[in-house]
C-alpha atoms as a PDB file:
ATOM      1  CA  MET A   1      22.185 -24.404  11.490  1.00  0.00           C
ATOM      2  CA  ALA A   2      23.733 -27.711   9.733  1.00  0.00           C
ATOM      3  CA  ARG A   3      22.993 -28.090   5.728  1.00  0.00           C
ATOM      4  CA  LYS A   4      22.642 -31.047   3.816  1.00  0.00           C
ATOM      5  CA  GLN A   5      25.920 -33.136   3.409  1.00  0.00           C
ATOM      6  CA  THR A   6      25.288 -32.265  -0.351  1.00  0.00           C
ATOM      7  CA  ASP A   7      25.273 -28.770   0.316  1.00  0.00           C
ATOM      8  CA  ALA A   8      27.602 -28.300   2.367  1.00  0.00           C
ATOM      9  CA  GLU A   9      30.128 -25.732   1.646  1.00  0.00           C
ATOM     10  CA  PRO A  10      34.118 -26.405   1.142  1.00  0.00           C
ATOM     11  CA  ALA A  11      35.254 -25.945   4.992  1.00  0.00           C
ATOM     12  CA  ARG A  12      32.436 -28.142   5.831  1.00  0.00           C
ATOM     13  CA  CYS A  13      32.925 -30.650   3.809  1.00  0.00           C
ATOM     14  CA  ALA A  14      36.864 -31.345   5.150  1.00  0.00           C
ATOM     15  CA  PRO A  15      36.896 -30.458   8.408  1.00  0.00           C
ATOM     16  CA  LEU A  16      39.747 -32.540   9.566  1.00  0.00           C
ATOM     17  CA  ILE A  17      41.629 -31.401   6.541  1.00  0.00           C
ATOM     18  CA  LEU A  18      40.993 -28.144   8.319  1.00  0.00           C
ATOM     19  CA  PHE A  19      41.489 -28.836  11.519  1.00  0.00           C
ATOM     20  CA  PHE A  20      45.225 -30.134  10.765  1.00  0.00           C
ATOM     21  CA  LEU A  21      45.920 -26.842   8.252  1.00  0.00           C
ATOM     22  CA  GLY A  22      44.679 -24.853  11.365  1.00  0.00           C
ATOM     23  CA  LEU A  23      47.365 -26.148  13.490  1.00  0.00           C
ATOM     24  CA  ILE A  24      49.827 -24.397  10.801  1.00  0.00           C
ATOM     25  CA  SER A  25      47.547 -21.471   9.312  1.00  0.00           C
ATOM     26  CA  PHE A  26      45.969 -19.293  12.113  1.00  0.00           C
ATOM     27  CA  ALA A  27      43.577 -17.905   9.491  1.00  0.00           C
ATOM     28  CA  LEU A  28      42.365 -21.522   8.644  1.00  0.00           C
ATOM     29  CA  ALA A  29      42.119 -22.363  12.036  1.00  0.00           C
ATOM     30  CA  TYR A  30      39.809 -19.296  13.317  1.00  0.00           C
ATOM     31  CA  THR A  31      38.098 -20.680   9.573  1.00  0.00           C
ATOM     32  CA  LEU A  32      36.943 -24.013  11.403  1.00  0.00           C
ATOM     33  CA  LEU A  33      35.908 -22.159  14.252  1.00  0.00           C
ATOM     34  CA  SER A  34      33.483 -20.200  13.074  1.00  0.00           C
ATOM     35  CA  THR A  35      32.333 -22.613  11.247  1.00  0.00           C
ATOM     36  CA  ILE A  36      31.933 -25.100  13.836  1.00  0.00           C
ATOM     37  CA  LEU A  37      30.052 -22.362  16.014  1.00  0.00           C
ATOM     38  CA  ALA A  38      27.519 -21.768  12.959  1.00  0.00           C
ATOM     39  CA  SER A  39      26.893 -25.256  12.761  1.00  0.00           C
ATOM     40  CA  ARG A  40      26.575 -25.620  16.377  1.00  0.00           C
ATOM     41  CA  ALA A  41      23.983 -22.763  15.756  1.00  0.00           C
ATOM     42  CA  GLY A  42      21.644 -24.347  13.782  1.00  0.00           C
ATOM     43  CA  SER A  43      18.045 -24.644  15.033  1.00  0.00           C
ATOM     44  CA  PRO A  44      15.971 -21.270  15.115  1.00  0.00           C
ATOM     45  CA  SER A  45      12.530 -20.479  17.078  1.00  0.00           C
ATOM     46  CA  SER A  46      10.732 -16.916  17.681  1.00  0.00           C
ATOM     47  CA  ASN A  47       8.315 -16.184  20.156  1.00  0.00           C
ATOM     48  CA  HIS A  48       4.613 -14.146  19.201  1.00  0.00           C
ATOM     49  CA  ASP A  49       2.206 -12.265  20.087  1.00  0.00           C
ATOM     50  CA  SER A  50      -1.375 -12.690  19.340  1.00  0.00           C
ATOM     51  CA  SER A  51      -0.761  -9.951  16.372  1.00  0.00           C
ATOM     52  CA  GLY A  52       1.731 -12.569  15.269  1.00  0.00           C
ATOM     53  CA  SER A  53       5.035  -9.944  15.322  1.00  0.00           C
ATOM     54  CA  VAL A  54       8.265 -11.566  16.211  1.00  0.00           C
ATOM     55  CA  GLY A  55      10.277  -9.501  19.078  1.00  0.00           C
ATOM     56  CA  LEU A  56      13.585  -8.333  16.791  1.00  0.00           C
ATOM     57  CA  LYS A  57      16.683  -6.507  17.988  1.00  0.00           C
ATOM     58  CA  GLY A  58      17.200  -3.300  16.415  1.00  0.00           C
ATOM     59  CA  ALA A  59      20.113  -1.248  15.310  1.00  0.00           C
ATOM     60  CA  ASP A  60      19.897   0.978  18.250  1.00  0.00           C
ATOM     61  CA  GLY A  61      19.536  -1.456  20.658  1.00  0.00           C
ATOM     62  CA  GLU A  62      15.444  -1.892  21.049  1.00  0.00           C
ATOM     63  CA  ASP A  63      14.401  -5.520  21.388  1.00  0.00           C
ATOM     64  CA  SER A  64      11.519  -5.188  19.150  1.00  0.00           C
ATOM     65  CA  ILE A  65       9.890  -5.111  15.567  1.00  0.00           C
ATOM     66  CA  ASP A  66       9.524  -1.398  15.776  1.00  0.00           C
ATOM     67  CA  ALA A  67      13.183  -1.109  15.950  1.00  0.00           C
ATOM     68  CA  CYS A  68      13.531  -2.475  12.739  1.00  0.00           C
ATOM     69  CA  CYS A  69      13.656   0.324   9.694  1.00  0.00           C
ATOM     70  CA  GLN A  70      15.741  -1.406   6.731  1.00  0.00           C
ATOM     71  CA  GLY A  71      15.084  -0.703   2.950  1.00  0.00           C
ATOM     72  CA  ILE A  72      16.906  -1.593  -0.255  1.00  0.00           C
ATOM     73  CA  GLU A  73      19.497   0.847  -1.474  1.00  0.00           C
ATOM     74  CA  ASN A  74      19.955   1.940  -5.505  1.00  0.00           C
ATOM     75  CA  LEU A  75      15.827   0.493  -5.571  1.00  0.00           C
ATOM     76  CA  GLU A  76      12.849   3.117  -6.356  1.00  0.00           C
ATOM     77  CA  LEU A  77       9.428   2.205  -5.322  1.00  0.00           C
ATOM     78  CA  TRP A  78       6.578   3.890  -7.462  1.00  0.00           C
ATOM     79  CA  GLY A  79       2.784   4.357  -6.122  1.00  0.00           C
ATOM     80  CA  ALA A  80      -0.027   6.655  -5.372  1.00  0.00           C
ATOM     81  CA  ALA A  81       2.369   9.897  -2.998  1.00  0.00           C
ATOM     82  CA  VAL A  82       0.492  10.078  -0.329  1.00  0.00           C
ATOM     83  CA  LYS A  83       3.499  12.759   0.941  1.00  0.00           C
ATOM     84  CA  TRP A  84       5.633  14.930  -1.381  1.00  0.00           C
ATOM     85  CA  GLY A  85       9.420  14.387  -1.037  1.00  0.00           C
ATOM     86  CA  SER A  86      10.010  18.292  -2.070  1.00  0.00           C
ATOM     87  CA  ASP A  87       8.041  19.286   1.089  1.00  0.00           C
ATOM     88  CA  HIS A  88       8.901  16.270   3.306  1.00  0.00           C
ATOM     89  CA  LYS A  89      12.827  16.274   4.303  1.00  0.00           C
ATOM     90  CA  PHE A  90      14.365  13.974   6.442  1.00  0.00           C
ATOM     91  CA  ASN A  91      19.072  13.175   7.680  1.00  0.00           C
ATOM     92  CA  SER A  92      18.334   9.331   7.037  1.00  0.00           C
ATOM     93  CA  SER A  93      16.938   6.411   5.435  1.00  0.00           C
ATOM     94  CA  LYS A  94      15.355   5.160   8.901  1.00  0.00           C
ATOM     95  CA  GLU A  95      13.836   8.505  10.023  1.00  0.00           C
ATOM     96  CA  CYS A  96      12.078   8.521   6.139  1.00  0.00           C
ATOM     97  CA  CYS A  97      10.717   4.806   7.093  1.00  0.00           C
ATOM     98  CA  ARG A  98       9.812   5.616  10.249  1.00  0.00           C
ATOM     99  CA  ALA A  99       7.315   8.214   9.126  1.00  0.00           C
ATOM    100  CA  CYS A 100       5.944   6.180   7.054  1.00  0.00           C
ATOM    101  CA  LYS A 101       5.238   3.745  10.085  1.00  0.00           C
ATOM    102  CA  ALA A 102       3.757   6.476  11.763  1.00  0.00           C
ATOM    103  CA  MET A 103       1.009   6.725   9.209  1.00  0.00           C
ATOM    104  CA  CYS A 104      -0.165   2.681  10.550  1.00  0.00           C
ATOM    105  CA  SER A 105      -2.492   2.814  13.198  1.00  0.00           C
ATOM    106  CA  GLY A 106      -1.984   1.425  16.355  1.00  0.00           C
ATOM    107  CA  ASN A 107      -0.075  -1.763  17.380  1.00  0.00           C
ATOM    108  CA  ASP A 108       0.511  -3.434  12.995  1.00  0.00           C
ATOM    109  CA  GLY A 109      -3.016  -1.520  12.211  1.00  0.00           C
ATOM    110  CA  PRO A 110      -3.597  -1.047   8.650  1.00  0.00           C
ATOM    111  CA  CYS A 111      -1.267   1.855   7.045  1.00  0.00           C
ATOM    112  CA  LEU A 112      -2.066   4.771   4.982  1.00  0.00           C
ATOM    113  CA  CYS A 113       1.619   4.747   3.571  1.00  0.00           C
ATOM    114  CA  ASP A 114       2.970   1.412   2.480  1.00  0.00           C
ATOM    115  CA  THR A 115       6.238   2.717   0.698  1.00  0.00           C
ATOM    116  CA  TRP A 116       8.837   4.962   1.564  1.00  0.00           C
ATOM    117  CA  VAL A 117      11.503   6.306  -0.608  1.00  0.00           C
ATOM    118  CA  PHE A 118      14.591   8.391   0.494  1.00  0.00           C
ATOM    119  CA  CYS A 119      16.901  10.367  -1.383  1.00  0.00           C
ATOM    120  CA  GLY A 120      19.987   9.577   0.228  1.00  0.00           C
ATOM    121  CA  ASN A 121      23.272   9.973  -1.626  1.00  0.00           C
ATOM    122  CA  ARG A 122      24.474  13.760  -1.368  1.00  0.00           C
ATOM    123  CA  ASN A 123      26.515  14.166  -4.556  1.00  0.00           C
ATOM    124  CA  ALA A 124      23.711  11.892  -6.700  1.00  0.00           C
ATOM    125  CA  CYS A 125      20.694  13.451  -5.074  1.00  0.00           C
ATOM    126  CA  GLY A 126      21.677  17.395  -5.025  1.00  0.00           C
ATOM    127  CA  SER A 127      18.532  19.737  -4.307  1.00  0.00           C
ATOM    128  CA  LYS A 128      16.730  16.367  -3.881  1.00  0.00           C
ATOM    129  CA  PHE A 129      19.026  15.434  -1.002  1.00  0.00           C
ATOM    130  CA  GLY A 130      17.519  14.172   2.119  1.00  0.00           C
ATOM    131  CA  GLU A 131      13.797  14.059   0.711  1.00  0.00           C
ATOM    132  CA  CYS A 132      11.415  11.654   1.703  1.00  0.00           C
ATOM    133  CA  TRP A 133       8.216  10.466  -0.466  1.00  0.00           C
ATOM    134  CA  LEU A 134       5.842   8.216   1.607  1.00  0.00           C
ATOM    135  CA  LYS A 135       3.382   6.341  -0.929  1.00  0.00           C
ATOM    136  CA  LYS A 136       0.352   3.439  -1.491  1.00  0.00           C
ATOM    137  CA  GLN A 137       0.545   0.868  -3.756  1.00  0.00           C
ATOM    138  CA  LYS A 138      -2.000  -0.583  -5.334  1.00  0.00           C
ATOM    139  CA  ASP A 139      -0.925  -4.398  -4.009  1.00  0.00           C
ATOM    140  CA  PRO A 140       1.861  -3.823  -1.633  1.00  0.00           C
ATOM    141  CA  MET A 141       2.013  -7.834  -2.070  1.00  0.00           C
ATOM    142  CA  ALA A 142       3.713  -6.871  -5.541  1.00  0.00           C
ATOM    143  CA  PRO A 143       4.857  -3.523  -5.346  1.00  0.00           C
ATOM    144  CA  ASP A 144       5.765  -1.262  -8.605  1.00  0.00           C
ATOM    145  CA  ARG A 145       9.532  -0.853  -8.763  1.00  0.00           C
ATOM    146  CA  GLN A 146      11.597   1.329 -10.567  1.00  0.00           C
ATOM    147  CA  GLU A 147      14.821  -1.495 -11.452  1.00  0.00           C
ATOM    148  CA  GLY A 148      17.707   0.219  -9.891  1.00  0.00           C
ATOM    149  CA  GLY A 149      21.839   0.471 -11.090  1.00  0.00           C
ATOM    150  CA  GLN A 150      24.733   1.453  -9.182  1.00  0.00           C
ATOM    151  CA  THR A 151      24.112   5.467  -9.851  1.00  0.00           C
ATOM    152  CA  GLN A 152      20.931   5.134  -8.628  1.00  0.00           C
ATOM    153  CA  SER A 153      20.196   7.963  -5.804  1.00  0.00           C
ATOM    154  CA  TRP A 154      17.316   5.752  -4.168  1.00  0.00           C
ATOM    155  CA  THR A 155      16.613   4.127  -1.100  1.00  0.00           C
ATOM    156  CA  SER A 156      12.974   2.123  -0.840  1.00  0.00           C
ATOM    157  CA  GLY A 157      10.971  -0.058   1.625  1.00  0.00           C
ATOM    158  CA  LEU A 158       7.508  -1.372   1.955  1.00  0.00           C
ATOM    159  CA  ILE A 159       5.775  -1.137   5.343  1.00  0.00           C
ATOM    160  CA  PHE A 160       2.840  -4.377   6.176  1.00  0.00           C
ATOM    161  CA  GLY A 161       0.355  -3.454   8.012  1.00  0.00           C
ATOM    162  CA  LYS A 162      -2.018  -5.420  10.210  1.00  0.00           C
ATOM    163  CA  GLY A 163      -3.301  -7.887   7.622  1.00  0.00           C
ATOM    164  CA  VAL A 164      -0.910  -7.504   4.690  1.00  0.00           C
ATOM    165  CA  GLY A 165       1.999  -9.271   4.205  1.00  0.00           C
ATOM    166  CA  VAL A 166       0.749 -12.855   4.864  1.00  0.00           C
ATOM    167  CA  ILE A 167       2.071 -15.527   2.638  1.00  0.00           C
ATOM    168  CA  GLY A 168       0.619 -19.361   3.093  1.00  0.00           C
ATOM    169  CA  LEU A 169       2.357 -22.251   2.833  1.00  0.00           C
ATOM    170  CA  GLU A 170       0.411 -24.815   1.105  1.00  0.00           C
ATOM    171  CA  THR A 171       1.121 -28.747   2.176  1.00  0.00           C
ATOM    172  CA  GLU A 172      -0.676 -31.907   2.432  1.00  0.00           C
ATOM    173  CA  TYR A 173      -1.291 -30.945   6.401  1.00  0.00           C
ATOM    174  CA  GLY A 174      -2.301 -27.811   6.309  1.00  0.00           C
ATOM    175  CA  THR A 175      -1.122 -24.358   5.264  1.00  0.00           C
ATOM    176  CA  LEU A 176       1.008 -22.318   7.282  1.00  0.00           C
ATOM    177  CA  HIS A 177       0.285 -18.180   7.629  1.00  0.00           C
ATOM    178  CA  ILE A 178       3.604 -16.552   7.381  1.00  0.00           C
ATOM    179  CA  LYS A 179       3.637 -12.800   8.171  1.00  0.00           C
ATOM    180  CA  LEU A 180       6.486 -11.063   6.125  1.00  0.00           C
ATOM    181  CA  LEU A 181       8.899  -8.559   7.780  1.00  0.00           C
ATOM    182  CA  PRO A 182      10.054  -6.220   4.863  1.00  0.00           C
ATOM    183  CA  GLU A 183      11.408  -3.640   7.793  1.00  0.00           C
ATOM    184  CA  CYS A 184      13.667  -5.711   9.173  1.00  0.00           C
ATOM    185  CA  SER A 185      14.745  -8.364   6.402  1.00  0.00           C
ATOM    186  CA  SER A 186      13.844  -6.160   2.877  1.00  0.00           C
ATOM    187  CA  ARG A 187      16.065  -7.813   0.512  1.00  0.00           C
ATOM    188  CA  SER A 188      14.940 -11.497   1.983  1.00  0.00           C
ATOM    189  CA  VAL A 189      11.018 -10.478   1.770  1.00  0.00           C
ATOM    190  CA  PHE A 190      11.164  -9.277  -2.313  1.00  0.00           C
ATOM    191  CA  TYR A 191      12.967 -12.931  -2.748  1.00  0.00           C
ATOM    192  CA  ILE A 192       9.923 -14.256  -1.526  1.00  0.00           C
ATOM    193  CA  LEU A 193       7.578 -11.962  -3.353  1.00  0.00           C
ATOM    194  CA  GLU A 194       9.430 -12.672  -6.404  1.00  0.00           C
ATOM    195  CA  LEU A 195       8.441 -16.356  -5.894  1.00  0.00           C
ATOM    196  CA  LEU A 196       4.841 -15.561  -5.435  1.00  0.00           C
ATOM    197  CA  SER A 197       5.138 -13.838  -8.768  1.00  0.00           C
ATOM    198  CA  LEU A 198       6.211 -16.968 -10.462  1.00  0.00           C
ATOM    199  CA  ARG A 199       2.440 -18.601  -9.271  1.00  0.00           C
ATOM    200  CA  HIS A 200       4.532 -22.054  -8.542  1.00  0.00           C
ATOM    201  CA  CYS A 201       7.287 -22.898  -6.130  1.00  0.00           C
ATOM    202  CA  ALA A 202       8.252 -26.379  -7.802  1.00  0.00           C
ATOM    203  CA  GLY A 203      10.784 -28.289  -5.493  1.00  0.00           C
ATOM    204  CA  CYS A 204      10.557 -26.389  -2.715  1.00  0.00           C
ATOM    205  CA  HIS A 205      10.077 -28.743   0.083  1.00  0.00           C
ATOM    206  CA  PHE A 206      10.733 -29.277   3.761  1.00  0.00           C
ATOM    207  CA  TYR A 207      13.371 -32.489   4.356  1.00  0.00           C
ATOM    208  CA  ARG A 208      14.133 -32.318   7.621  1.00  0.00           C
ATOM    209  CA  ALA A 209      11.946 -32.545  11.134  1.00  0.00           C
ATOM    210  CA  GLU A 210      13.329 -32.691  14.390  1.00  0.00           C
ATOM    211  CA  GLY A 211      10.734 -32.442  17.291  1.00  0.00           C
ATOM    212  CA  ARG A 212      10.868 -30.569  20.892  1.00  0.00           C
ATOM    213  CA  GLY A 213      11.037 -34.039  22.213  1.00  0.00           C
ATOM    214  CA  GLU A 214      11.707 -33.509  26.221  1.00  0.00           C
ATOM    215  CA  LEU A 215      14.300 -30.694  25.838  1.00  0.00           C
ATOM    216  CA  TRP A 216      11.681 -27.545  25.306  1.00  0.00           C
ATOM    217  CA  ASP A 217       8.320 -27.315  26.491  1.00  0.00           C
ATOM    218  CA  ALA A 218       4.629 -26.908  24.527  1.00  0.00           C
ATOM    219  CA  ASN A 219       5.680 -22.635  24.751  1.00  0.00           C
ATOM    220  CA  GLY A 220       8.751 -23.338  23.223  1.00  0.00           C
ATOM    221  CA  ASN A 221      10.821 -22.811  26.636  1.00  0.00           C
ATOM    222  CA  HIS A 222      14.113 -24.940  27.216  1.00  0.00           C
ATOM    223  CA  VAL A 223      13.786 -27.184  30.319  1.00  0.00           C
ATOM    224  CA  GLU A 224      15.832 -26.243  33.024  1.00  0.00           C
ATOM    225  CA  ASN A 225      19.019 -28.499  33.060  1.00  0.00           C
ATOM    226  CA  ALA A 226      17.834 -30.200  29.666  1.00  0.00           C
ATOM    227  CA  PRO A 227      20.465 -30.461  26.860  1.00  0.00           C
ATOM    228  CA  LEU A 228      20.661 -28.462  23.939  1.00  0.00           C
ATOM    229  CA  GLY A 229      19.727 -30.654  21.246  1.00  0.00           C
ATOM    230  CA  PRO A 230      19.412 -32.936  19.372  1.00  0.00           C
ATOM    231  CA  PRO A 231      16.397 -32.873  18.739  1.00  0.00           C
ATOM    232  CA  PHE A 232      17.253 -29.091  17.588  1.00  0.00           C
ATOM    233  CA  ALA A 233      12.927 -27.923  17.585  1.00  0.00           C
ATOM    234  CA  LEU A 234      12.592 -27.236  13.950  1.00  0.00           C
ATOM    235  CA  ILE A 235      11.560 -28.187  10.655  1.00  0.00           C
ATOM    236  CA  GLN A 236      13.677 -27.211   7.616  1.00  0.00           C
ATOM    237  CA  GLY A 237      13.335 -26.462   4.059  1.00  0.00           C
ATOM    238  CA  THR A 238      14.217 -25.122   1.120  1.00  0.00           C
ATOM    239  CA  PHE A 239      12.745 -21.779  -1.244  1.00  0.00           C
ATOM    240  CA  GLU A 240      14.543 -23.000  -4.290  1.00  0.00           C
ATOM    241  CA  ALA A 241      12.601 -23.071  -6.969  1.00  0.00           C
ATOM    242  CA  GLN A 242      13.109 -25.136  -9.893  1.00  0.00           C
ATOM    243  CA  GLY A 243      13.979 -22.981 -13.015  1.00  0.00           C
ATOM    244  CA  THR A 244      14.987 -20.102 -11.519  1.00  0.00           C
ATOM    245  CA  LYS A 245      17.758 -18.514 -10.087  1.00  0.00           C
ATOM    246  CA  PHE A 246      19.089 -18.145  -6.756  1.00  0.00           C
ATOM    247  CA  ASN A 247      21.057 -15.047  -5.643  1.00  0.00           C
ATOM    248  CA  LYS A 248      22.247 -15.411  -2.116  1.00  0.00           C
ATOM    249  CA  ILE A 249      21.098 -12.856   0.067  1.00  0.00           C
ATOM    250  CA  PRO A 250      22.975 -10.521   2.393  1.00  0.00           C
ATOM    251  CA  THR A 251      23.012 -10.616   6.212  1.00  0.00           C
ATOM    252  CA  GLU A 252      19.772  -8.645   7.381  1.00  0.00           C
ATOM    253  CA  ALA A 253      18.334  -8.447  11.009  1.00  0.00           C
ATOM    254  CA  CYS A 254      19.334 -11.363  13.357  1.00  0.00           C
ATOM    255  CA  PRO A 255      17.445 -11.332  16.530  1.00  0.00           C
ATOM    256  CA  THR A 256      17.136 -14.363  19.127  1.00  0.00           C
ATOM    257  CA  ILE A 257      15.434 -17.152  17.566  1.00  0.00           C
ATOM    258  CA  ARG A 258      12.341 -17.686  18.973  1.00  0.00           C
ATOM    259  CA  ARG A 259       9.148 -20.103  18.581  1.00  0.00           C
ATOM    260  CA  GLY A 260       7.504 -19.676  15.126  1.00  0.00           C
ATOM    261  CA  THR A 261      10.061 -17.659  14.029  1.00  0.00           C
ATOM    262  CA  VAL A 262      11.324 -18.078  10.567  1.00  0.00           C
ATOM    263  CA  ALA A 263      14.944 -17.545   8.994  1.00  0.00           C
ATOM    264  CA  TRP A 264      17.669 -18.178   6.633  1.00  0.00           C
ATOM    265  CA  VAL A 265      20.303 -21.101   6.788  1.00  0.00           C
ATOM    266  CA  GLY A 266      23.499 -19.274   5.750  1.00  0.00           C
ATOM    267  CA  SER A 267      22.181 -17.448   2.670  1.00  0.00           C
ATOM    268  CA  GLY A 268      19.552 -19.059   1.968  1.00  0.00           C
ATOM    269  CA  PRO A 269      17.855 -20.758  -0.057  1.00  0.00           C
ATOM    270  CA  GLU A 270      17.230 -22.737   2.837  1.00  0.00           C
ATOM    271  CA  PHE A 271      14.949 -21.766   5.638  1.00  0.00           C
ATOM    272  CA  PHE A 272      13.597 -23.037   8.808  1.00  0.00           C
ATOM    273  CA  ILE A 273      10.549 -22.745  10.861  1.00  0.00           C
ATOM    274  CA  SER A 274      11.441 -23.331  15.381  1.00  0.00           C
ATOM    275  CA  LEU A 275       9.361 -24.932  17.611  1.00  0.00           C
ATOM    276  CA  ALA A 276      11.636 -23.322  20.212  1.00  0.00           C
ATOM    277  CA  ASN A 277      13.333 -20.056  21.963  1.00  0.00           C
ATOM    278  CA  HIS A 278      17.004 -20.578  21.097  1.00  0.00           C
ATOM    279  CA  VAL A 279      18.463 -17.948  23.089  1.00  0.00           C
ATOM    280  CA  GLU A 280      21.753 -20.225  22.561  1.00  0.00           C
ATOM    281  CA  TRP A 281      22.115 -19.398  19.284  1.00  0.00           C
ATOM    282  CA  LYS A 282      23.182 -15.938  19.329  1.00  0.00           C
ATOM    283  CA  LYS A 283      21.490 -14.009  16.642  1.00  0.00           C
ATOM    284  CA  VAL A 284      23.559 -15.274  13.440  1.00  0.00           C
ATOM    285  CA  TYR A 285      20.500 -16.526  11.418  1.00  0.00           C
ATOM    286  CA  THR A 286      18.360 -13.573   8.978  1.00  0.00           C
ATOM    287  CA  VAL A 287      14.741 -13.610  10.240  1.00  0.00           C
ATOM    288  CA  PHE A 288      12.402 -12.333   7.551  1.00  0.00           C
ATOM    289  CA  GLY A 289       8.812 -13.957   8.856  1.00  0.00           C
ATOM    290  CA  SER A 290       6.732 -15.245  11.415  1.00  0.00           C
ATOM    291  CA  VAL A 291       4.629 -18.322  11.717  1.00  0.00           C
ATOM    292  CA  ILE A 292       1.023 -17.080  13.536  1.00  0.00           C
ATOM    293  CA  PRO A 293       0.813 -19.239  16.923  1.00  0.00           C
ATOM    294  CA  GLU A 294      -2.417 -20.636  15.474  1.00  0.00           C
ATOM    295  CA  ASP A 295      -0.831 -22.541  12.577  1.00  0.00           C
ATOM    296  CA  MET A 296       2.068 -23.906  15.038  1.00  0.00           C
ATOM    297  CA  GLY A 297       0.203 -27.129  15.461  1.00  0.00           C
ATOM    298  CA  ILE A 298       0.716 -28.054  11.251  1.00  0.00           C
ATOM    299  CA  VAL A 299       4.449 -27.350  12.092  1.00  0.00           C
ATOM    300  CA  GLU A 300       4.407 -29.955  15.552  1.00  0.00           C
ATOM    301  CA  LYS A 301       2.377 -31.621  12.586  1.00  0.00           C
ATOM    302  CA  ILE A 302       5.110 -32.215  10.473  1.00  0.00           C
ATOM    303  CA  ALA A 303       7.926 -32.144  13.270  1.00  0.00           C
ATOM    304  CA  GLN A 304       6.629 -35.301  14.456  1.00  0.00           C
ATOM    305  CA  LEU A 305       6.732 -37.604  10.604  1.00  0.00           C
ATOM    306  CA  PRO A 306       8.385 -40.607  10.048  1.00  0.00           C
ATOM    307  CA  THR A 307      12.322 -39.611   9.861  1.00  0.00           C
ATOM    308  CA  ARG A 308      15.283 -41.189   9.717  1.00  0.00           C
ATOM    309  CA  ALA A 309      18.683 -40.683  11.318  1.00  0.00           C
ATOM    310  CA  ASP A 310      21.727 -38.283   9.617  1.00  0.00           C
ATOM    311  CA  VAL A 311      24.988 -37.195  10.250  1.00  0.00           C
ATOM    312  CA  TRP A 312      25.545 -33.452   8.686  1.00  0.00           C
ATOM    313  CA  ASN A 313      28.777 -32.348   9.618  1.00  0.00           C
ATOM    314  CA  ASN A 314      29.773 -34.022  12.758  1.00  0.00           C
ATOM    315  CA  ILE A 315      26.041 -33.374  14.009  1.00  0.00           C
ATOM    316  CA  ASN A 316      23.198 -35.554  14.419  1.00  0.00           C
ATOM    317  CA  VAL A 317      20.340 -34.585  12.508  1.00  0.00           C
ATOM    318  CA  THR A 318      16.817 -36.317  11.612  1.00  0.00           C
ATOM    319  CA  VAL A 319      15.358 -35.759   8.104  1.00  0.00           C
ATOM    320  CA  LEU A 320      12.152 -37.190   6.757  1.00  0.00           C
ATOM    321  CA  GLU A 321      11.454 -40.341   5.477  1.00  0.00           C
ATOM    322  CA  LYS A 322       9.050 -38.216   2.799  1.00  0.00           C
ATOM    323  CA  PRO A 323       9.673 -35.021   1.704  1.00  0.00           C
ATOM    324  CA  VAL A 324       6.699 -32.584   2.474  1.00  0.00           C
ATOM    325  CA  PRO A 325       6.265 -30.703  -1.210  1.00  0.00           C
ATOM    326  CA  LEU A 326       4.640 -26.801  -0.460  1.00  0.00           C
ATOM    327  CA  MET A 327       3.433 -24.125  -2.345  1.00  0.00           C
ATOM    328  CA  LEU A 328       3.143 -20.248  -1.890  1.00  0.00           C
ATOM    329  CA  ARG A 329       0.398 -18.172  -1.891  1.00  0.00           C
ATOM    330  CA  GLN A 330      -0.852 -14.931  -0.826  1.00  0.00           C
ATOM    331  CA  ALA A 331      -3.043 -14.955   1.934  1.00  0.00           C
ATOM    332  CA  ASN A 332      -5.175 -12.706   4.551  1.00  0.00           C
ATOM    333  CA  LEU A 333      -4.369 -13.010   7.941  1.00  0.00           C
ATOM    334  CA  LYS A 334      -7.747 -11.813   9.095  1.00  0.00           C
ATOM    335  CA  ALA A 335      -8.971 -14.464   6.864  1.00  0.00           C
ATOM    336  CA  ALA A 336      -6.266 -17.008   8.753  1.00  0.00           C
ATOM    337  CA  VAL A 337      -7.095 -16.546  12.558  1.00  0.00           C
ATOM    338  CA  GLU A 338     -10.853 -16.625  11.609  1.00  0.00           C
END
């Protein structure tokens, strides 16, 4: 995924220099190659089912969102206990996470547990090692948290059931409803929740738009024998709010990009929404959300707005003539679908 030229990393700003240095230094040559591959990969997307979920590749190899069960170390989330950890122990945080998921009814149904807290540092936990506390937040979109430190022994995560964990990206062309995926990309989702708490996202906007052209069909499938871009079938923007400090987000779950996928470009704050299924992008983008299928028409509309041609790191792109501002708000998936 290409970045705006002004945001390019040093290696991307001087590809010719790196090329010649690569003839002398194998290390620099490897860096250049990695940069090129990352740039070529830049265009994300995700397929949905009717519930708005997106298929993800878990550490155990399962190609399903159910395979994801990640949390954040050195973080303790509070909330009303539905299962006490002193009587509920496991050997891993993933098992604790799955125990919380098991308290959700049906496929992506309402959850009696939306928070799990696991004590996994054997030295720091002592007799509490393995404790798995399952909890329920008053508002899972504003979880009650105890700020952690290096000595914190707890790992915590959120579970968003049906109709929960949905944000709205308000634009002049309509509101995009996105189902967040905290089980797969916890740090990414916590950043989005922080933006929600600011009650503004000044400076957040879409600035790049590329339609499907004749390369992908309406379902996001690649047309046989067609090139893989450009155009790359995506809209790209930034979640960097003015007046707030953005800390780079480490790589989290990187499934195949499909129509509707919402993912970071690199470590953020730039992100994209894919209009197509991009198997060729080799699972390099952290996915943290999924646009509900009913709202993909709005993404298509933005992708067709007037643009101008530009070149980023030797990649032809199209940039919106007029950036599209966006605002974040908490939303209700059921209301959005209805």
